[in-house]
Amino acid sequence: MIKRKLMTKNGLLKLKKDLAKLEEQRPEAVVRLETARQMGDLRENSEYHAAREDLALLDTQIDELKEILVNIKIVGKGSNGVSRVGLESLVTVKNNGREITYQLVGEHESNPLKGKISYTSPLGKALMGQRVGDRVVAKTPRGKINYQIITIK
C-alpha cells in the first residue's frame, strides 16, 4: 500500500506549474528529435543521441511529477491553530543559545537554505505535534541535537 505524502496548497500549485512547464517543453523536444533523426546515420549522429536523451529526461521528470501528484494529501494549518506544530507552521527554535525559524512543509517543497524543512526530516519529525516550550531531540546523522520551541505561528 502506498502511503500518501503530505503537501501544502502552495506546494501543490508549484508542482502543477512545474508539470505544465515540462509538458509545454515536450512537443519541442519531440520535434528536435525528429529533426535530428533525419540528419543521417543515427550511429554517428550526436544531435540525435542528445535529443533522445533530453526527451527521455523530460519524460522521466513528467512521470515523476505525475506520480507525486497522485500520491499526495493536501494539508493546511490544523484546527488546533498555532498551539501545536503542524504543516505550514513557522517554528522558532533555540539551539545552543541561537534562535532560528523554520517553516514545516511537504517533502517536495523543502528548501533548508530558505528555512523550509520537510516534516519528514529529523528536525521536522521531532517538531510535529509539539508545543511552545517543549524540548525536542532531532536524531540526525551527526547525532542527537536538542532544541527548545520558542514560538509557533
Protein backbone atom coordinates (compact mmCIF):
# COMPACT_ATOMS: atom_id res chain seq x y z
CA MET A 1 0.00 0.00 0.00
CA ILE A 2 1.32 3.42 -0.96
CA LYS A 3 1.42 5.91 1.88
CA ARG A 4 0.28 9.37 0.91
CA LYS A 5 2.75 12.21 1.42
CA LEU A 6 1.62 15.50 2.90
CA MET A 7 1.91 18.74 0.97
CA THR A 8 0.75 22.32 1.40
CA LYS A 9 -1.62 24.02 -1.03
CA ASN A 10 1.22 26.30 -2.20
CA GLY A 11 3.37 23.24 -2.80
CA LEU A 12 0.62 21.69 -4.91
CA LEU A 13 0.29 24.85 -7.01
CA LYS A 14 4.05 24.96 -7.61
CA LEU A 15 4.14 21.27 -8.53
CA LYS A 16 1.30 21.73 -11.04
CA LYS A 17 3.04 24.77 -12.53
CA ASP A 18 6.30 22.80 -12.88
CA LEU A 19 4.44 19.94 -14.56
CA ALA A 20 2.70 22.29 -17.01
CA LYS A 21 6.04 23.88 -17.91
CA LEU A 22 7.62 20.48 -18.60
CA GLU A 23 4.62 19.38 -20.67
CA GLU A 24 4.89 22.58 -22.72
CA GLN A 25 8.54 21.76 -23.49
CA ARG A 26 7.80 18.20 -24.65
CA PRO A 27 6.47 18.93 -28.18
CA GLU A 28 9.58 21.00 -28.94
CA ALA A 29 11.79 18.14 -27.71
CA VAL A 30 9.92 15.69 -29.97
CA VAL A 31 10.40 17.97 -32.98
CA ARG A 32 14.11 18.31 -32.13
CA LEU A 33 14.45 14.52 -32.01
CA GLU A 34 12.59 14.07 -35.30
CA THR A 35 14.73 16.73 -37.00
CA ALA A 36 17.93 15.10 -35.71
CA ARG A 37 16.71 11.67 -36.85
CA GLN A 38 16.53 12.98 -40.43
CA MET A 39 20.18 14.13 -40.40
CA GLY A 40 21.58 10.79 -41.48
CA ASP A 41 23.32 7.82 -39.91
CA LEU A 42 21.95 7.51 -36.36
CA ARG A 43 25.06 5.70 -35.07
CA GLU A 44 27.22 8.76 -35.66
CA ASN A 45 24.59 11.46 -35.14
CA SER A 46 25.44 13.17 -31.83
CA GLU A 47 22.50 15.58 -32.15
CA TYR A 48 20.11 12.62 -32.38
CA HIS A 49 21.58 10.97 -29.28
CA ALA A 50 21.49 14.23 -27.31
CA ALA A 51 17.89 14.93 -28.37
CA ARG A 52 16.85 11.38 -27.46
CA GLU A 53 18.47 11.70 -24.01
CA ASP A 54 16.86 15.10 -23.43
CA LEU A 55 13.42 13.74 -24.35
CA ALA A 56 13.89 10.72 -22.08
CA LEU A 57 14.89 13.00 -19.19
CA LEU A 58 11.90 15.26 -19.81
CA ASP A 59 9.54 12.26 -19.89
CA THR A 60 11.05 10.92 -16.64
CA GLN A 61 10.55 14.28 -14.92
CA ILE A 62 6.95 14.47 -16.14
CA ASP A 63 6.24 10.93 -14.94
CA GLU A 64 7.79 11.64 -11.52
CA LEU A 65 5.69 14.77 -11.01
CA LYS A 66 2.53 12.94 -12.05
CA GLU A 67 3.33 10.14 -9.60
CA ILE A 68 3.84 12.67 -6.81
CA LEU A 69 0.53 14.38 -7.62
CA VAL A 70 -1.33 11.06 -7.44
CA ASN A 71 0.12 10.19 -4.03
CA ILE A 72 -0.19 13.42 -2.06
CA LYS A 73 -2.60 14.68 0.52
CA ILE A 74 -3.09 18.43 0.76
CA VAL A 75 -2.93 19.66 4.32
CA GLY A 76 -3.44 23.15 5.64
CA LYS A 77 -2.94 24.55 9.08
CA GLY A 78 -4.69 22.31 11.54
CA SER A 79 -7.75 23.15 13.54
CA ASN A 80 -5.54 23.49 16.61
CA GLY A 81 -4.40 26.88 15.31
CA VAL A 82 -0.91 27.66 16.49
CA SER A 83 -0.93 25.69 19.71
CA ARG A 84 0.92 22.74 18.14
CA VAL A 85 3.46 22.41 15.36
CA GLY A 86 1.99 21.16 12.09
CA LEU A 87 2.44 21.51 8.36
CA GLU A 88 2.86 25.18 7.36
CA SER A 89 3.80 26.18 10.92
CA LEU A 90 6.52 28.78 11.36
CA VAL A 91 8.51 27.49 14.31
CA THR A 92 11.28 29.34 16.09
CA VAL A 93 13.61 27.01 17.93
CA LYS A 94 16.61 27.60 20.14
CA ASN A 95 19.78 25.54 19.99
CA ASN A 96 23.00 26.43 21.84
CA GLY A 97 21.69 29.96 22.51
CA ARG A 98 20.94 30.56 18.83
CA GLU A 99 17.38 31.06 17.58
CA ILE A 100 16.32 30.07 14.10
CA THR A 101 12.91 29.97 12.40
CA TYR A 102 11.75 27.17 10.12
CA GLN A 103 8.57 26.52 8.20
CA LEU A 104 7.42 22.91 8.07
CA VAL A 105 6.44 21.87 4.55
CA GLY A 106 5.98 18.74 2.46
CA GLU A 107 8.97 16.72 1.24
CA HIS A 108 8.93 18.16 -2.26
CA GLU A 109 8.70 21.73 -1.02
CA SER A 110 11.65 21.73 1.36
CA ASN A 111 14.47 24.19 0.90
CA PRO A 112 16.59 24.40 4.05
CA LEU A 113 18.52 27.39 2.71
CA LYS A 114 15.23 29.32 2.71
CA GLY A 115 14.16 27.99 6.11
CA LYS A 116 11.69 25.44 4.73
CA ILE A 117 12.17 21.96 6.19
CA SER A 118 10.28 18.79 5.44
CA TYR A 119 8.00 17.34 8.08
CA THR A 120 9.84 14.04 7.41
CA SER A 121 13.31 15.46 8.14
CA PRO A 122 14.85 14.60 11.52
CA LEU A 123 14.01 18.03 12.94
CA GLY A 124 10.60 18.10 11.25
CA LYS A 125 9.68 14.74 12.79
CA ALA A 126 10.81 15.93 16.22
CA LEU A 127 8.79 19.17 15.96
CA MET A 128 5.49 17.80 14.62
CA GLY A 129 2.73 18.00 17.24
CA GLN A 130 4.86 19.77 19.85
CA ARG A 131 4.00 22.96 21.79
CA VAL A 132 5.79 26.19 22.72
CA GLY A 133 8.29 25.49 25.48
CA ASP A 134 8.70 21.82 24.60
CA ARG A 135 12.19 20.45 24.24
CA VAL A 136 12.78 18.08 21.35
CA VAL A 137 15.65 15.92 20.20
CA ALA A 138 16.36 15.57 16.48
CA LYS A 139 18.22 12.35 15.62
CA THR A 140 20.48 13.39 12.75
CA PRO A 141 23.36 11.62 11.00
CA ARG A 142 25.67 13.78 13.13
CA GLY A 143 23.99 12.62 16.32
CA LYS A 144 21.26 13.91 18.58
CA ILE A 145 20.62 17.66 18.62
CA ASN A 146 18.49 19.33 21.30
CA TYR A 147 16.09 22.17 20.55
CA GLN A 148 13.58 24.18 22.51
CA ILE A 149 10.47 25.54 20.81
CA ILE A 150 10.26 29.31 21.33
CA THR A 151 7.31 30.30 19.15
CA ILE A 152 4.78 28.76 16.75
CA LYS A 153 2.97 30.88 14.16
